Amino acid sequence: MKKYLFHVGIDISKSKLDVVILDNQASKICNHFIIENNLKGIASILKEFKRQKVDLSTVLFCCENTGVYTFPLSCFLSENKLDYWIVPAIEIKRSKGISRGKNDKTDAKDIAWYSIRHIDKLKLTELPEKEILQLKLLFTEREKVMKSFKLFEATKENEDFMPKQIYKSIVGINSKTIKFLKATLKTIEKEMMDIISNQIQLKNQFELVKSVPGIGDKTAIYLLIITKGFTAFDNARKFACYAGTAPFEHTSGSSIKGRTKVNHMADKKMKAILQMCALVAVKHDPQLKQYYNKKKEEGKNAMLVLNNVKCKILSRVFAVINRQTPYINTYKFAC
């Protein structure tokens, strides 16, 4: 494992970054300063190290994942080929133990200490491909449009309960808005498909994932985004844990024997999408349909069986990606 001489903890907010530099050998704070959250401000971190004549290959930068506010820092560090580690905020918070009070300097110091104490867990972060980032933004916009579409569609409920004269005053505006939203939705979906079609690897992965029964276009696109083109997760089990479909044991000694169940910490969007995939699969895939009916006859809970189906779908997805061949239904040859 690479030995880092300096660990930099960065607490990120919308307008500024609190930076704490820890000397790994002396175990003390070398410096603390505040910079603006833009490329000019971030570049001053490198100037500080150059002023101290520090080899940047011996420096590890660590920060919390704060969504879009992290992006300028990620881009700058990636472009300069520097080692950095983006960690979920809850992981750093739970590693601190008992603490009282907080401020940005303390948070930056805690992040730096986290990178030293948990160096065995280090997995250097890489910025996703440009196409993945574009898909992510477009998918987010699509979600907003879908929510708006449902809200404006709900206006039709007034037709049967409101006087026609009153309802007539808004029906024209509502129809124009819905028409615009539908056109916007088509534009977004076309843009996403164009991005996938123009990138050979993404197009290949998209077609492979879609070959699995129960997986549609939108699910395939979201899988490409979340897995960063199937580079962020090594296997189906790890992704099932992320998606909240992997069951975990809950026992202790001889007195606590809880039910094996999934954990609430998960990508709720991915979990909801997989739920729909499982419902489609047990209707249209003979093998999963037989499995679902068999387990129901054995007295298993329907939600538990559907969760198992989700795990089976994910296993198939990762199998076709690893084999680089479409899914083949061998069940028909066994019958």
C-alpha atoms as a PDB file:
ATOM      1  CA  MET A   1       0.000   0.000   0.000  1.00  0.00           C
ATOM      2  CA  LYS A   2       1.237   3.450  -0.905  1.00  0.00           C
ATOM      3  CA  LYS A   3       2.606   5.494   1.974  1.00  0.00           C
ATOM      4  CA  TYR A   4       1.340   9.085   2.094  1.00  0.00           C
ATOM      5  CA  LEU A   5       3.320  11.719   4.001  1.00  0.00           C
ATOM      6  CA  PHE A   6       0.522  14.295   4.046  1.00  0.00           C
ATOM      7  CA  HIS A   7      -3.240  13.874   4.378  1.00  0.00           C
ATOM      8  CA  VAL A   8      -5.464  16.774   3.345  1.00  0.00           C
ATOM      9  CA  GLY A   9      -8.977  16.955   4.808  1.00  0.00           C
ATOM     10  CA  ILE A  10     -11.358  19.246   2.928  1.00  0.00           C
ATOM     11  CA  ASP A  11     -14.744  20.321   4.258  1.00  0.00           C
ATOM     12  CA  ILE A  12     -16.849  21.446   1.293  1.00  0.00           C
ATOM     13  CA  SER A  13     -19.650  23.989   1.282  1.00  0.00           C
ATOM     14  CA  LYS A  14     -21.299  25.952  -1.544  1.00  0.00           C
ATOM     15  CA  SER A  15     -19.029  29.001  -1.434  1.00  0.00           C
ATOM     16  CA  LYS A  16     -15.870  27.911   0.412  1.00  0.00           C
ATOM     17  CA  LEU A  17     -13.562  25.033   1.301  1.00  0.00           C
ATOM     18  CA  ASP A  18     -11.950  24.539   4.713  1.00  0.00           C
ATOM     19  CA  VAL A  19      -8.597  22.806   4.201  1.00  0.00           C
ATOM     20  CA  VAL A  20      -6.591  21.064   6.921  1.00  0.00           C
ATOM     21  CA  ILE A  21      -3.183  19.530   6.136  1.00  0.00           C
ATOM     22  CA  LEU A  22      -1.977  16.774   8.479  1.00  0.00           C
ATOM     23  CA  ASP A  23       1.623  15.585   8.634  1.00  0.00           C
ATOM     24  CA  ASN A  24       1.330  11.789   8.822  1.00  0.00           C
ATOM     25  CA  GLN A  25       4.726  11.398  10.502  1.00  0.00           C
ATOM     26  CA  ALA A  26       4.331  14.117  13.137  1.00  0.00           C
ATOM     27  CA  SER A  27       0.558  13.508  13.553  1.00  0.00           C
ATOM     28  CA  LYS A  28      -0.160  17.204  13.827  1.00  0.00           C
ATOM     29  CA  ILE A  29      -1.878  19.949  11.851  1.00  0.00           C
ATOM     30  CA  CYS A  30       0.592  21.614   9.483  1.00  0.00           C
ATOM     31  CA  ASN A  31      -1.780  24.206   8.192  1.00  0.00           C
ATOM     32  CA  HIS A  32      -5.405  25.311   8.034  1.00  0.00           C
ATOM     33  CA  PHE A  33      -6.794  27.799   5.539  1.00  0.00           C
ATOM     34  CA  ILE A  34     -10.055  28.735   3.827  1.00  0.00           C
ATOM     35  CA  ILE A  35     -10.402  29.110   0.063  1.00  0.00           C
ATOM     36  CA  GLU A  36     -13.216  29.807  -2.384  1.00  0.00           C
ATOM     37  CA  ASN A  37     -14.974  26.828  -3.947  1.00  0.00           C
ATOM     38  CA  ASN A  38     -13.814  27.497  -7.502  1.00  0.00           C
ATOM     39  CA  LEU A  39     -10.866  26.484  -9.690  1.00  0.00           C
ATOM     40  CA  LYS A  40      -8.816  29.550  -8.720  1.00  0.00           C
ATOM     41  CA  GLY A  41      -9.269  28.857  -5.005  1.00  0.00           C
ATOM     42  CA  ILE A  42      -8.566  25.132  -5.359  1.00  0.00           C
ATOM     43  CA  ALA A  43      -5.364  25.842  -7.310  1.00  0.00           C
ATOM     44  CA  SER A  44      -4.035  27.715  -4.243  1.00  0.00           C
ATOM     45  CA  ILE A  45      -3.851  24.369  -2.372  1.00  0.00           C
ATOM     46  CA  LEU A  46      -1.200  23.195  -4.825  1.00  0.00           C
ATOM     47  CA  LYS A  47       0.636  26.513  -4.512  1.00  0.00           C
ATOM     48  CA  GLU A  48       0.832  25.963  -0.739  1.00  0.00           C
ATOM     49  CA  PHE A  49       2.466  22.541  -1.222  1.00  0.00           C
ATOM     50  CA  LYS A  50       4.848  23.887  -3.882  1.00  0.00           C
ATOM     51  CA  ARG A  51       5.823  26.684  -1.505  1.00  0.00           C
ATOM     52  CA  GLN A  52       6.741  24.032   1.082  1.00  0.00           C
ATOM     53  CA  LYS A  53       8.507  21.964  -1.663  1.00  0.00           C
ATOM     54  CA  VAL A  54       6.301  18.917  -1.032  1.00  0.00           C
ATOM     55  CA  ASP A  55       6.129  16.095  -3.579  1.00  0.00           C
ATOM     56  CA  LEU A  56       2.411  15.961  -4.550  1.00  0.00           C
ATOM     57  CA  SER A  57       2.603  12.200  -5.167  1.00  0.00           C
ATOM     58  CA  THR A  58       2.966  11.789  -1.371  1.00  0.00           C
ATOM     59  CA  VAL A  59      -0.264  13.707  -0.662  1.00  0.00           C
ATOM     60  CA  LEU A  60      -3.741  12.177  -0.271  1.00  0.00           C
ATOM     61  CA  PHE A  61      -6.735  14.500  -0.572  1.00  0.00           C
ATOM     62  CA  CYS A  62      -9.924  13.420   1.210  1.00  0.00           C
ATOM     63  CA  CYS A  63     -13.389  14.981   1.336  1.00  0.00           C
ATOM     64  CA  GLU A  64     -17.054  14.157   1.909  1.00  0.00           C
ATOM     65  CA  ASN A  65     -19.459  13.557  -0.939  1.00  0.00           C
ATOM     66  CA  THR A  66     -21.547  16.733  -1.062  1.00  0.00           C
ATOM     67  CA  GLY A  67     -22.964  16.231  -4.551  1.00  0.00           C
ATOM     68  CA  VAL A  68     -22.478  19.010  -7.102  1.00  0.00           C
ATOM     69  CA  TYR A  69     -20.414  21.155  -4.672  1.00  0.00           C
ATOM     70  CA  THR A  70     -17.673  18.482  -4.831  1.00  0.00           C
ATOM     71  CA  PHE A  71     -17.433  18.644  -8.627  1.00  0.00           C
ATOM     72  CA  PRO A  72     -14.922  21.562  -9.052  1.00  0.00           C
ATOM     73  CA  LEU A  73     -12.502  19.886  -6.620  1.00  0.00           C
ATOM     74  CA  SER A  74     -12.913  16.454  -8.291  1.00  0.00           C
ATOM     75  CA  CYS A  75     -12.293  17.916 -11.762  1.00  0.00           C
ATOM     76  CA  PHE A  76      -9.189  19.820 -10.653  1.00  0.00           C
ATOM     77  CA  LEU A  77      -7.615  16.845  -8.835  1.00  0.00           C
ATOM     78  CA  SER A  78      -8.395  14.487 -11.733  1.00  0.00           C
ATOM     79  CA  GLU A  79      -6.925  16.853 -14.334  1.00  0.00           C
ATOM     80  CA  ASN A  80      -3.728  17.169 -12.271  1.00  0.00           C
ATOM     81  CA  LYS A  81      -3.570  13.369 -11.723  1.00  0.00           C
ATOM     82  CA  LEU A  82      -3.554  13.680  -7.924  1.00  0.00           C
ATOM     83  CA  ASP A  83      -4.743  10.994  -5.489  1.00  0.00           C
ATOM     84  CA  TYR A  84      -8.083  11.806  -3.878  1.00  0.00           C
ATOM     85  CA  TRP A  85     -10.739   9.926  -1.927  1.00  0.00           C
ATOM     86  CA  ILE A  86     -14.404  10.945  -1.745  1.00  0.00           C
ATOM     87  CA  VAL A  87     -16.124   9.303   1.242  1.00  0.00           C
ATOM     88  CA  PRO A  88     -19.848   9.200   2.169  1.00  0.00           C
ATOM     89  CA  ALA A  89     -20.546  11.769   4.894  1.00  0.00           C
ATOM     90  CA  ILE A  90     -22.320   9.248   7.144  1.00  0.00           C
ATOM     91  CA  GLU A  91     -19.237   7.008   7.170  1.00  0.00           C
ATOM     92  CA  ILE A  92     -17.019   9.817   8.449  1.00  0.00           C
ATOM     93  CA  LYS A  93     -19.642  10.916  10.978  1.00  0.00           C
ATOM     94  CA  ARG A  94     -19.981   7.426  12.468  1.00  0.00           C
ATOM     95  CA  SER A  95     -16.209   6.930  12.608  1.00  0.00           C
ATOM     96  CA  LYS A  96     -15.767   9.968  14.885  1.00  0.00           C
ATOM     97  CA  GLY A  97     -17.338   8.359  17.942  1.00  0.00           C
ATOM     98  CA  ILE A  98     -18.768  10.627  20.628  1.00  0.00           C
ATOM     99  CA  SER A  99     -18.333  14.308  19.775  1.00  0.00           C
ATOM    100  CA  ARG A 100     -19.792  17.592  20.995  1.00  0.00           C
ATOM    101  CA  GLY A 101     -20.175  20.655  18.845  1.00  0.00           C
ATOM    102  CA  LYS A 102     -18.799  21.200  15.363  1.00  0.00           C
ATOM    103  CA  ASN A 103     -17.367  23.770  12.989  1.00  0.00           C
ATOM    104  CA  ASP A 104     -15.882  23.642   9.499  1.00  0.00           C
ATOM    105  CA  LYS A 105     -12.257  23.521  10.686  1.00  0.00           C
ATOM    106  CA  THR A 106     -13.017  20.601  13.012  1.00  0.00           C
ATOM    107  CA  ASP A 107     -14.878  18.796  10.241  1.00  0.00           C
ATOM    108  CA  ALA A 108     -11.916  19.202   7.873  1.00  0.00           C
ATOM    109  CA  LYS A 109      -9.572  17.865  10.569  1.00  0.00           C
ATOM    110  CA  ASP A 110     -11.867  14.868  11.189  1.00  0.00           C
ATOM    111  CA  ILE A 111     -11.867  14.088   7.452  1.00  0.00           C
ATOM    112  CA  ALA A 112      -8.061  14.199   7.378  1.00  0.00           C
ATOM    113  CA  TRP A 113      -7.839  11.913  10.418  1.00  0.00           C
ATOM    114  CA  TYR A 114     -10.335   9.539   8.803  1.00  0.00           C
ATOM    115  CA  SER A 115      -8.043   9.165   5.770  1.00  0.00           C
ATOM    116  CA  ILE A 116      -5.129   8.247   8.088  1.00  0.00           C
ATOM    117  CA  ARG A 117      -6.979   5.819  10.369  1.00  0.00           C
ATOM    118  CA  HIS A 118      -8.870   4.057   7.581  1.00  0.00           C
ATOM    119  CA  ILE A 119      -6.116   3.955   4.973  1.00  0.00           C
ATOM    120  CA  ASP A 120      -6.674   0.179   4.663  1.00  0.00           C
ATOM    121  CA  LYS A 121     -10.098   0.954   3.137  1.00  0.00           C
ATOM    122  CA  LEU A 122      -8.646   3.376   0.576  1.00  0.00           C
ATOM    123  CA  LYS A 123     -10.187   3.222  -2.873  1.00  0.00           C
ATOM    124  CA  LEU A 124      -9.022   6.157  -4.929  1.00  0.00           C
ATOM    125  CA  THR A 125     -11.851   8.049  -6.586  1.00  0.00           C
ATOM    126  CA  GLU A 126     -11.985   8.506 -10.336  1.00  0.00           C
ATOM    127  CA  LEU A 127     -14.149  11.034 -12.124  1.00  0.00           C
ATOM    128  CA  PRO A 128     -16.789   9.270 -14.270  1.00  0.00           C
ATOM    129  CA  GLU A 129     -16.620   9.576 -18.048  1.00  0.00           C
ATOM    130  CA  LYS A 130     -18.157  12.708 -19.571  1.00  0.00           C
ATOM    131  CA  GLU A 131     -20.981  10.620 -21.082  1.00  0.00           C
ATOM    132  CA  ILE A 132     -21.935   9.176 -17.676  1.00  0.00           C
ATOM    133  CA  LEU A 133     -22.114  12.672 -16.165  1.00  0.00           C
ATOM    134  CA  GLN A 134     -24.274  13.860 -19.047  1.00  0.00           C
ATOM    135  CA  LEU A 135     -26.614  10.882 -18.617  1.00  0.00           C
ATOM    136  CA  LYS A 136     -26.842  11.558 -14.884  1.00  0.00           C
ATOM    137  CA  LEU A 137     -27.880  15.191 -15.399  1.00  0.00           C
ATOM    138  CA  LEU A 138     -30.369  14.285 -18.130  1.00  0.00           C
ATOM    139  CA  PHE A 139     -31.877  11.491 -16.017  1.00  0.00           C
ATOM    140  CA  THR A 140     -32.299  13.945 -13.124  1.00  0.00           C
ATOM    141  CA  GLU A 141     -34.050  16.405 -15.442  1.00  0.00           C
ATOM    142  CA  ARG A 142     -36.304  13.596 -16.665  1.00  0.00           C
ATOM    143  CA  GLU A 143     -37.302  12.832 -13.060  1.00  0.00           C
ATOM    144  CA  LYS A 144     -38.244  16.487 -12.522  1.00  0.00           C
ATOM    145  CA  VAL A 145     -40.331  16.536 -15.712  1.00  0.00           C
ATOM    146  CA  MET A 146     -42.110  13.305 -14.721  1.00  0.00           C
ATOM    147  CA  LYS A 147     -43.016  14.750 -11.313  1.00  0.00           C
ATOM    148  CA  SER A 148     -44.301  17.945 -12.915  1.00  0.00           C
ATOM    149  CA  PHE A 149     -46.263  15.937 -15.483  1.00  0.00           C
ATOM    150  CA  LYS A 150     -48.042  13.968 -12.741  1.00  0.00           C
ATOM    151  CA  LEU A 151     -48.888  17.168 -10.857  1.00  0.00           C
ATOM    152  CA  PHE A 152     -50.455  18.830 -13.900  1.00  0.00           C
ATOM    153  CA  GLU A 153     -52.266  15.626 -14.889  1.00  0.00           C
ATOM    154  CA  ALA A 154     -53.971  15.680 -11.473  1.00  0.00           C
ATOM    155  CA  THR A 155     -55.857  18.845 -12.554  1.00  0.00           C
ATOM    156  CA  LYS A 156     -58.216  16.637 -14.590  1.00  0.00           C
ATOM    157  CA  GLU A 157     -59.722  15.348 -11.341  1.00  0.00           C
ATOM    158  CA  ASN A 158     -61.532  18.700 -11.015  1.00  0.00           C
ATOM    159  CA  GLU A 159     -63.561  18.140 -14.189  1.00  0.00           C
ATOM    160  CA  ASP A 160     -66.247  15.946 -12.606  1.00  0.00           C
ATOM    161  CA  PHE A 161     -66.583  18.013  -9.430  1.00  0.00           C
ATOM    162  CA  MET A 162     -66.195  21.660 -10.432  1.00  0.00           C
ATOM    163  CA  PRO A 163     -68.710  23.772 -12.433  1.00  0.00           C
ATOM    164  CA  LYS A 164     -67.829  23.697 -16.154  1.00  0.00           C
ATOM    165  CA  GLN A 165     -67.472  27.485 -16.331  1.00  0.00           C
ATOM    166  CA  ILE A 166     -64.837  27.485 -13.577  1.00  0.00           C
ATOM    167  CA  TYR A 167     -62.976  24.427 -14.885  1.00  0.00           C
ATOM    168  CA  LYS A 168     -62.930  25.846 -18.420  1.00  0.00           C
ATOM    169  CA  SER A 169     -60.827  28.805 -17.239  1.00  0.00           C
ATOM    170  CA  ILE A 170     -57.794  26.615 -16.497  1.00  0.00           C
ATOM    171  CA  VAL A 171     -58.179  23.600 -18.803  1.00  0.00           C
ATOM    172  CA  GLY A 172     -56.554  25.398 -21.767  1.00  0.00           C
ATOM    173  CA  ILE A 173     -53.493  26.447 -19.760  1.00  0.00           C
ATOM    174  CA  ASN A 174     -53.209  22.963 -18.281  1.00  0.00           C
ATOM    175  CA  SER A 175     -53.357  21.279 -21.719  1.00  0.00           C
ATOM    176  CA  LYS A 176     -50.616  23.547 -23.106  1.00  0.00           C
ATOM    177  CA  THR A 177     -48.381  22.826 -20.106  1.00  0.00           C
ATOM    178  CA  ILE A 178     -48.859  19.055 -20.402  1.00  0.00           C
ATOM    179  CA  LYS A 179     -48.145  19.208 -24.141  1.00  0.00           C
ATOM    180  CA  PHE A 180     -44.919  21.141 -23.456  1.00  0.00           C
ATOM    181  CA  LEU A 181     -43.851  18.665 -20.757  1.00  0.00           C
ATOM    182  CA  LYS A 182     -44.441  15.700 -23.094  1.00  0.00           C
ATOM    183  CA  ALA A 183     -42.307  17.364 -25.789  1.00  0.00           C
ATOM    184  CA  THR A 184     -39.568  18.075 -23.226  1.00  0.00           C
ATOM    185  CA  LEU A 185     -39.665  14.461 -22.036  1.00  0.00           C
ATOM    186  CA  LYS A 186     -39.209  13.169 -25.584  1.00  0.00           C
ATOM    187  CA  THR A 187     -36.280  15.555 -26.134  1.00  0.00           C
ATOM    188  CA  ILE A 188     -34.531  14.403 -22.941  1.00  0.00           C
ATOM    189  CA  GLU A 189     -35.035  10.706 -23.722  1.00  0.00           C
ATOM    190  CA  LYS A 190     -33.753  11.201 -27.292  1.00  0.00           C
ATOM    191  CA  GLU A 191     -30.697  13.037 -25.973  1.00  0.00           C
ATOM    192  CA  MET A 192     -29.930  10.157 -23.573  1.00  0.00           C
ATOM    193  CA  MET A 193     -30.258   7.561 -26.335  1.00  0.00           C
ATOM    194  CA  ASP A 194     -28.032   9.648 -28.641  1.00  0.00           C
ATOM    195  CA  ILE A 195     -25.289   9.752 -25.979  1.00  0.00           C
ATOM    196  CA  ILE A 196     -25.450   5.964 -25.552  1.00  0.00           C
ATOM    197  CA  SER A 197     -25.555   5.296 -29.309  1.00  0.00           C
ATOM    198  CA  ASN A 198     -22.457   7.454 -29.927  1.00  0.00           C
ATOM    199  CA  GLN A 199     -20.337   5.653 -27.318  1.00  0.00           C
ATOM    200  CA  ILE A 200     -19.461   2.071 -28.326  1.00  0.00           C
ATOM    201  CA  GLN A 201     -18.881   0.681 -24.817  1.00  0.00           C
ATOM    202  CA  LEU A 202     -22.012   2.260 -23.345  1.00  0.00           C
ATOM    203  CA  LYS A 203     -24.085   1.052 -26.294  1.00  0.00           C
ATOM    204  CA  ASN A 204     -22.768  -2.494 -25.865  1.00  0.00           C
ATOM    205  CA  GLN A 205     -23.449  -2.479 -22.095  1.00  0.00           C
ATOM    206  CA  PHE A 206     -26.907  -0.996 -22.660  1.00  0.00           C
ATOM    207  CA  GLU A 207     -27.873  -3.786 -25.090  1.00  0.00           C
ATOM    208  CA  LEU A 208     -26.441  -6.495 -22.802  1.00  0.00           C
ATOM    209  CA  VAL A 209     -28.353  -5.234 -19.754  1.00  0.00           C
ATOM    210  CA  LYS A 210     -31.572  -4.922 -21.755  1.00  0.00           C
ATOM    211  CA  SER A 211     -31.308  -8.591 -22.782  1.00  0.00           C
ATOM    212  CA  VAL A 212     -32.121  -9.576 -19.164  1.00  0.00           C
ATOM    213  CA  PRO A 213     -35.900 -10.183 -18.696  1.00  0.00           C
ATOM    214  CA  GLY A 214     -37.525  -7.397 -16.661  1.00  0.00           C
ATOM    215  CA  ILE A 215     -34.977  -4.713 -17.609  1.00  0.00           C
ATOM    216  CA  GLY A 216     -36.226  -1.843 -19.788  1.00  0.00           C
ATOM    217  CA  ASP A 217     -34.597   1.239 -21.324  1.00  0.00           C
ATOM    218  CA  LYS A 218     -34.845   3.529 -18.279  1.00  0.00           C
ATOM    219  CA  THR A 219     -33.614   0.839 -15.877  1.00  0.00           C
ATOM    220  CA  ALA A 220     -30.652   0.057 -18.156  1.00  0.00           C
ATOM    221  CA  ILE A 221     -29.729   3.757 -18.323  1.00  0.00           C
ATOM    222  CA  TYR A 222     -29.948   4.179 -14.532  1.00  0.00           C
ATOM    223  CA  LEU A 223     -27.773   1.089 -14.038  1.00  0.00           C
ATOM    224  CA  LEU A 224     -25.132   2.577 -16.353  1.00  0.00           C
ATOM    225  CA  ILE A 225     -25.215   5.839 -14.374  1.00  0.00           C
ATOM    226  CA  ILE A 226     -25.041   4.317 -10.883  1.00  0.00           C
ATOM    227  CA  THR A 227     -22.362   1.746 -11.738  1.00  0.00           C
ATOM    228  CA  LYS A 228     -20.393   4.356 -13.765  1.00  0.00           C
ATOM    229  CA  GLY A 229     -20.399   2.042 -16.748  1.00  0.00           C
ATOM    230  CA  PHE A 230     -19.982  -1.025 -14.493  1.00  0.00           C
ATOM    231  CA  THR A 231     -16.679   0.168 -13.031  1.00  0.00           C
ATOM    232  CA  ALA A 232     -17.842   1.198  -9.526  1.00  0.00           C
ATOM    233  CA  PHE A 233     -18.931  -2.272  -8.302  1.00  0.00           C
ATOM    234  CA  ASP A 234     -16.973  -5.522  -8.541  1.00  0.00           C
ATOM    235  CA  ASN A 235     -19.892  -7.921  -8.372  1.00  0.00           C
ATOM    236  CA  ALA A 236     -23.659  -8.315  -8.042  1.00  0.00           C
ATOM    237  CA  ARG A 237     -23.519  -8.851  -4.252  1.00  0.00           C
ATOM    238  CA  LYS A 238     -21.890  -5.459  -3.625  1.00  0.00           C
ATOM    239  CA  PHE A 239     -24.379  -3.731  -5.882  1.00  0.00           C
ATOM    240  CA  ALA A 240     -27.288  -5.575  -4.207  1.00  0.00           C
ATOM    241  CA  CYS A 241     -26.022  -4.199  -0.883  1.00  0.00           C
ATOM    242  CA  TYR A 242     -25.952  -0.676  -2.356  1.00  0.00           C
ATOM    243  CA  ALA A 243     -29.450  -1.107  -3.824  1.00  0.00           C
ATOM    244  CA  GLY A 244     -30.898  -2.397  -0.535  1.00  0.00           C
ATOM    245  CA  THR A 245     -31.756  -5.908  -1.762  1.00  0.00           C
ATOM    246  CA  ALA A 246     -28.996  -7.924  -0.047  1.00  0.00           C
ATOM    247  CA  PRO A 247     -30.258  -9.648   3.154  1.00  0.00           C
ATOM    248  CA  PHE A 248     -28.222  -9.455   6.378  1.00  0.00           C
ATOM    249  CA  GLU A 249     -28.287 -11.596   9.500  1.00  0.00           C
ATOM    250  CA  HIS A 250     -29.338 -10.044  12.843  1.00  0.00           C
ATOM    251  CA  THR A 251     -28.249 -12.282  15.740  1.00  0.00           C
ATOM    252  CA  SER A 252     -26.189 -11.960  18.901  1.00  0.00           C
ATOM    253  CA  GLY A 253     -25.329 -14.730  21.348  1.00  0.00           C
ATOM    254  CA  SER A 254     -28.170 -17.071  22.253  1.00  0.00           C
ATOM    255  CA  SER A 255     -30.831 -14.482  23.120  1.00  0.00           C
ATOM    256  CA  ILE A 256     -31.050 -12.209  20.054  1.00  0.00           C
ATOM    257  CA  LYS A 257     -32.246 -14.031  16.958  1.00  0.00           C
ATOM    258  CA  GLY A 258     -33.755 -11.423  14.692  1.00  0.00           C
ATOM    259  CA  ARG A 259     -35.061 -11.929  11.183  1.00  0.00           C
ATOM    260  CA  THR A 260     -32.632 -11.829   8.270  1.00  0.00           C
ATOM    261  CA  LYS A 261     -33.580  -8.660   6.430  1.00  0.00           C
ATOM    262  CA  VAL A 262     -32.330  -5.900   4.147  1.00  0.00           C
ATOM    263  CA  ASN A 263     -30.792  -2.697   5.491  1.00  0.00           C
ATOM    264  CA  HIS A 264     -32.594   0.646   5.218  1.00  0.00           C
ATOM    265  CA  MET A 265     -29.415   2.397   4.007  1.00  0.00           C
ATOM    266  CA  ALA A 266     -29.768   2.076   0.244  1.00  0.00           C
ATOM    267  CA  ASP A 267     -30.321   3.873  -3.037  1.00  0.00           C
ATOM    268  CA  LYS A 268     -34.104   4.169  -2.707  1.00  0.00           C
ATOM    269  CA  LYS A 269     -34.529   5.076  -6.369  1.00  0.00           C
ATOM    270  CA  MET A 270     -32.649   1.975  -7.496  1.00  0.00           C
ATOM    271  CA  LYS A 271     -34.609  -0.165  -5.050  1.00  0.00           C
ATOM    272  CA  ALA A 272     -37.942   1.137  -6.390  1.00  0.00           C
ATOM    273  CA  ILE A 273     -36.874   0.525  -9.990  1.00  0.00           C
ATOM    274  CA  LEU A 274     -35.800  -3.034  -9.178  1.00  0.00           C
ATOM    275  CA  GLN A 275     -39.174  -3.631  -7.502  1.00  0.00           C
ATOM    276  CA  MET A 276     -40.912  -2.837 -10.803  1.00  0.00           C
ATOM    277  CA  CYS A 277     -38.416  -5.008 -12.696  1.00  0.00           C
ATOM    278  CA  ALA A 278     -39.149  -7.935 -10.374  1.00  0.00           C
ATOM    279  CA  LEU A 279     -42.916  -7.552 -10.828  1.00  0.00           C
ATOM    280  CA  VAL A 280     -42.490  -7.581 -14.621  1.00  0.00           C
ATOM    281  CA  ALA A 281     -40.075 -10.531 -14.511  1.00  0.00           C
ATOM    282  CA  VAL A 282     -42.370 -12.817 -12.480  1.00  0.00           C
ATOM    283  CA  LYS A 283     -45.104 -12.212 -15.055  1.00  0.00           C
ATOM    284  CA  HIS A 284     -43.137 -12.664 -18.267  1.00  0.00           C
ATOM    285  CA  ASP A 285     -40.089 -14.818 -17.409  1.00  0.00           C
ATOM    286  CA  PRO A 286     -41.129 -18.514 -17.040  1.00  0.00           C
ATOM    287  CA  GLN A 287     -38.211 -19.430 -14.787  1.00  0.00           C
ATOM    288  CA  LEU A 288     -38.727 -16.579 -12.315  1.00  0.00           C
ATOM    289  CA  LYS A 289     -42.493 -17.042 -12.496  1.00  0.00           C
ATOM    290  CA  GLN A 290     -42.143 -20.706 -11.473  1.00  0.00           C
ATOM    291  CA  TYR A 291     -39.692 -19.743  -8.707  1.00  0.00           C
ATOM    292  CA  TYR A 292     -42.061 -17.053  -7.373  1.00  0.00           C
ATOM    293  CA  ASN A 293     -45.106 -19.380  -7.364  1.00  0.00           C
ATOM    294  CA  LYS A 294     -43.129 -22.228  -5.773  1.00  0.00           C
ATOM    295  CA  LYS A 295     -41.924 -20.062  -2.886  1.00  0.00           C
ATOM    296  CA  LYS A 296     -45.407 -18.612  -2.363  1.00  0.00           C
ATOM    297  CA  GLU A 297     -46.823 -22.162  -2.122  1.00  0.00           C
ATOM    298  CA  GLU A 298     -44.177 -22.936   0.504  1.00  0.00           C
ATOM    299  CA  GLY A 299     -45.645 -20.102   2.599  1.00  0.00           C
ATOM    300  CA  LYS A 300     -42.900 -17.531   1.994  1.00  0.00           C
ATOM    301  CA  ASN A 301     -43.780 -13.856   2.258  1.00  0.00           C
ATOM    302  CA  ALA A 302     -44.429 -12.281  -1.177  1.00  0.00           C
ATOM    303  CA  MET A 303     -42.101  -9.308  -0.533  1.00  0.00           C
ATOM    304  CA  LEU A 304     -39.303 -11.643   0.567  1.00  0.00           C
ATOM    305  CA  VAL A 305     -39.647 -13.680  -2.639  1.00  0.00           C
ATOM    306  CA  LEU A 306     -39.702 -10.511  -4.756  1.00  0.00           C
ATOM    307  CA  ASN A 307     -36.525  -9.371  -3.038  1.00  0.00           C
ATOM    308  CA  ASN A 308     -34.913 -12.677  -4.004  1.00  0.00           C
ATOM    309  CA  VAL A 309     -36.050 -12.088  -7.578  1.00  0.00           C
ATOM    310  CA  LYS A 310     -34.362  -8.652  -7.506  1.00  0.00           C
ATOM    311  CA  CYS A 311     -31.087 -10.311  -6.464  1.00  0.00           C
ATOM    312  CA  LYS A 312     -31.446 -12.863  -9.270  1.00  0.00           C
ATOM    313  CA  ILE A 313     -32.000 -10.084 -11.815  1.00  0.00           C
ATOM    314  CA  LEU A 314     -28.879  -8.253 -10.601  1.00  0.00           C
ATOM    315  CA  SER A 315     -26.868 -11.490 -10.798  1.00  0.00           C
ATOM    316  CA  ARG A 316     -27.984 -11.896 -14.416  1.00  0.00           C
ATOM    317  CA  VAL A 317     -27.082  -8.281 -15.206  1.00  0.00           C
ATOM    318  CA  PHE A 318     -23.532  -8.610 -13.874  1.00  0.00           C
ATOM    319  CA  ALA A 319     -23.171 -12.030 -15.517  1.00  0.00           C
ATOM    320  CA  VAL A 320     -23.938 -10.713 -19.015  1.00  0.00           C
ATOM    321  CA  ILE A 321     -21.593  -7.744 -18.463  1.00  0.00           C
ATOM    322  CA  ASN A 322     -18.745 -10.018 -17.301  1.00  0.00           C
ATOM    323  CA  ARG A 323     -19.322 -12.539 -20.131  1.00  0.00           C
ATOM    324  CA  GLN A 324     -19.956  -9.827 -22.716  1.00  0.00           C
ATOM    325  CA  THR A 325     -22.726 -11.961 -24.216  1.00  0.00           C
ATOM    326  CA  PRO A 326     -26.516 -11.398 -24.094  1.00  0.00           C
ATOM    327  CA  TYR A 327     -28.706 -13.275 -21.627  1.00  0.00           C
ATOM    328  CA  ILE A 328     -29.811 -16.700 -22.882  1.00  0.00           C
ATOM    329  CA  ASN A 329     -32.894 -18.319 -21.389  1.00  0.00           C
ATOM    330  CA  THR A 330     -31.743 -21.911 -20.838  1.00  0.00           C
ATOM    331  CA  TYR A 331     -34.925 -22.734 -18.929  1.00  0.00           C
ATOM    332  CA  LYS A 332     -36.831 -23.558 -22.145  1.00  0.00           C
ATOM    333  CA  PHE A 333     -34.295 -26.278 -22.965  1.00  0.00           C
ATOM    334  CA  ALA A 334     -34.788 -27.887 -19.516  1.00  0.00           C
ATOM    335  CA  CYS A 335     -38.570 -28.149 -19.932  1.00  0.00           C
END
